[in-house]
Amino acid sequence: MGALFFQSFRGMLLPIAESPHFEFVIARQAVGDGRAAWLEYKKAQHGTSDEEMVGFAHQFNLMIHQLDVDNKDMRPILLKFLDGRLVIVDGAHRAAIWAALYSSKPLPALFLSE
């Protein structure tokens, strides 16, 4: 599989390991709570209140617990470029969870090609 990228809210293509979603999952593993990275991201992206951001963090924690990487309905949609890059079209949260927790397994995704 090629390198996996997501489009940041600033429009740049970045490796999934640089996404706030990936960082949240990793931080969660390290300290049991990845809220700091997630709250910073949401505040920068959406300008939401602290209360709303805590709600977002809670929802993402639930998604992490509920994600079944073998469930075909949960597959992210990826666009495969000729140079081998894979860009997430839909499912950045799911792809980041997979990259952080299940990268030894093949990514169950729906692939589009350019």
Protein backbone atom coordinates (compact mmCIF):
# COMPACT_ATOMS: atom_id res chain seq x y z
CA MET A 1 0.00 0.00 0.00
CA GLY A 2 1.21 3.52 -0.77
CA ALA A 3 1.66 6.32 1.72
CA LEU A 4 -1.61 7.40 3.32
CA PHE A 5 -2.46 11.12 3.33
CA PHE A 6 -5.31 13.30 4.60
CA GLN A 7 -6.24 16.83 3.58
CA SER A 8 -5.81 19.23 6.47
CA PHE A 9 -8.37 21.95 7.14
CA ARG A 10 -5.84 24.32 5.54
CA GLY A 11 -5.98 22.26 2.33
CA MET A 12 -2.53 20.68 2.56
CA LEU A 13 -1.92 16.96 2.03
CA LEU A 14 -0.19 15.53 5.09
CA PRO A 15 0.73 11.99 6.16
CA ILE A 16 -1.97 10.43 8.33
CA ALA A 17 0.56 10.13 11.19
CA GLU A 18 0.63 13.96 11.29
CA SER A 19 -3.14 14.25 11.64
CA PRO A 20 -4.69 15.42 14.90
CA HIS A 21 -6.87 12.29 14.75
CA PHE A 22 -3.82 9.99 14.77
CA GLU A 23 -2.17 12.08 17.49
CA PHE A 24 -5.34 11.85 19.59
CA VAL A 25 -5.35 8.04 19.40
CA ILE A 26 -1.64 7.83 20.24
CA ALA A 27 -1.95 10.32 23.12
CA ARG A 28 -4.93 8.36 24.42
CA GLN A 29 -2.83 5.21 24.55
CA ALA A 30 0.06 6.97 26.28
CA VAL A 31 -1.89 8.76 29.00
CA GLY A 32 -5.36 7.28 28.77
CA ASP A 33 -6.81 10.50 27.43
CA GLY A 34 -5.90 12.27 24.20
CA ARG A 35 -8.08 15.28 24.84
CA ALA A 36 -5.35 17.92 24.73
CA ALA A 37 -4.39 17.24 21.10
CA TRP A 38 -8.00 16.88 20.03
CA LEU A 39 -9.21 20.00 21.81
CA GLU A 40 -6.38 22.06 20.31
CA TYR A 41 -7.28 20.80 16.84
CA LYS A 42 -10.99 21.47 17.22
CA LYS A 43 -10.40 24.92 18.65
CA ALA A 44 -8.14 25.84 15.71
CA GLN A 45 -10.41 24.31 13.11
CA HIS A 46 -13.85 25.24 14.33
CA GLY A 47 -13.43 27.88 17.02
CA THR A 48 -15.79 25.89 19.23
CA SER A 49 -16.37 26.41 22.93
CA ASP A 50 -14.55 24.32 25.54
CA GLU A 51 -17.78 22.48 26.30
CA GLU A 52 -18.34 21.61 22.63
CA MET A 53 -14.73 20.47 22.29
CA VAL A 54 -15.03 18.13 25.28
CA GLY A 55 -18.11 16.68 23.56
CA PHE A 56 -16.13 16.13 20.34
CA ALA A 57 -13.38 14.36 22.31
CA HIS A 58 -15.97 12.15 24.00
CA GLN A 59 -17.54 11.24 20.64
CA PHE A 60 -14.14 10.37 19.15
CA ASN A 61 -13.33 8.18 22.16
CA LEU A 62 -16.58 6.32 21.53
CA MET A 63 -15.69 5.90 17.86
CA ILE A 64 -12.31 4.41 18.84
CA HIS A 65 -14.00 1.88 21.11
CA GLN A 66 -16.69 1.00 18.58
CA LEU A 67 -14.57 0.80 15.43
CA ASP A 68 -14.62 -2.63 13.90
CA VAL A 69 -11.92 -2.63 11.22
CA ASP A 70 -13.47 -5.69 9.59
CA ASN A 71 -16.88 -4.01 9.13
CA LYS A 72 -17.23 -3.14 5.44
CA ASP A 73 -19.67 -0.33 6.27
CA MET A 74 -16.89 1.40 8.23
CA ARG A 75 -14.35 1.45 5.38
CA PRO A 76 -12.74 4.78 4.58
CA ILE A 77 -12.76 5.86 0.92
CA LEU A 78 -9.30 6.44 -0.55
CA LEU A 79 -8.20 7.93 -3.84
CA LYS A 80 -5.13 6.19 -5.27
CA PHE A 81 -2.83 8.39 -7.34
CA LEU A 82 -0.54 7.02 -10.04
CA ASP A 83 2.50 7.87 -7.88
CA GLY A 84 1.21 5.51 -5.18
CA ARG A 85 -0.13 8.10 -2.75
CA LEU A 86 -3.44 7.29 -1.12
CA VAL A 87 -5.56 10.31 -0.15
CA ILE A 88 -8.51 9.95 2.19
CA VAL A 89 -11.70 11.17 0.54
CA ASP A 90 -13.97 10.09 3.40
CA GLY A 91 -13.16 8.52 6.75
CA ALA A 92 -10.14 10.40 8.13
CA HIS A 93 -11.10 9.49 11.70
CA ARG A 94 -11.46 5.79 10.86
CA ALA A 95 -8.23 5.73 8.84
CA ALA A 96 -6.34 7.44 11.68
CA ILE A 97 -7.66 4.94 14.21
CA TRP A 98 -6.58 2.09 11.92
CA ALA A 99 -3.13 3.65 11.38
CA ALA A 100 -2.60 4.13 15.11
CA LEU A 101 -4.01 0.83 16.39
CA TYR A 102 -4.26 -1.72 13.58
CA SER A 103 -1.54 -0.90 11.04
CA SER A 104 -0.32 -4.51 11.08
CA LYS A 105 -3.61 -5.41 9.34
CA PRO A 106 -4.42 -4.37 5.76
CA LEU A 107 -6.52 -1.20 5.70
CA PRO A 108 -10.09 -2.20 4.85
CA ALA A 109 -10.91 0.61 2.44
CA LEU A 110 -12.81 1.35 -0.71
CA PHE A 111 -10.25 2.41 -3.32
CA LEU A 112 -10.84 4.87 -6.14
CA SER A 113 -8.16 5.58 -8.72
CA GLU A 114 -7.25 8.71 -10.63
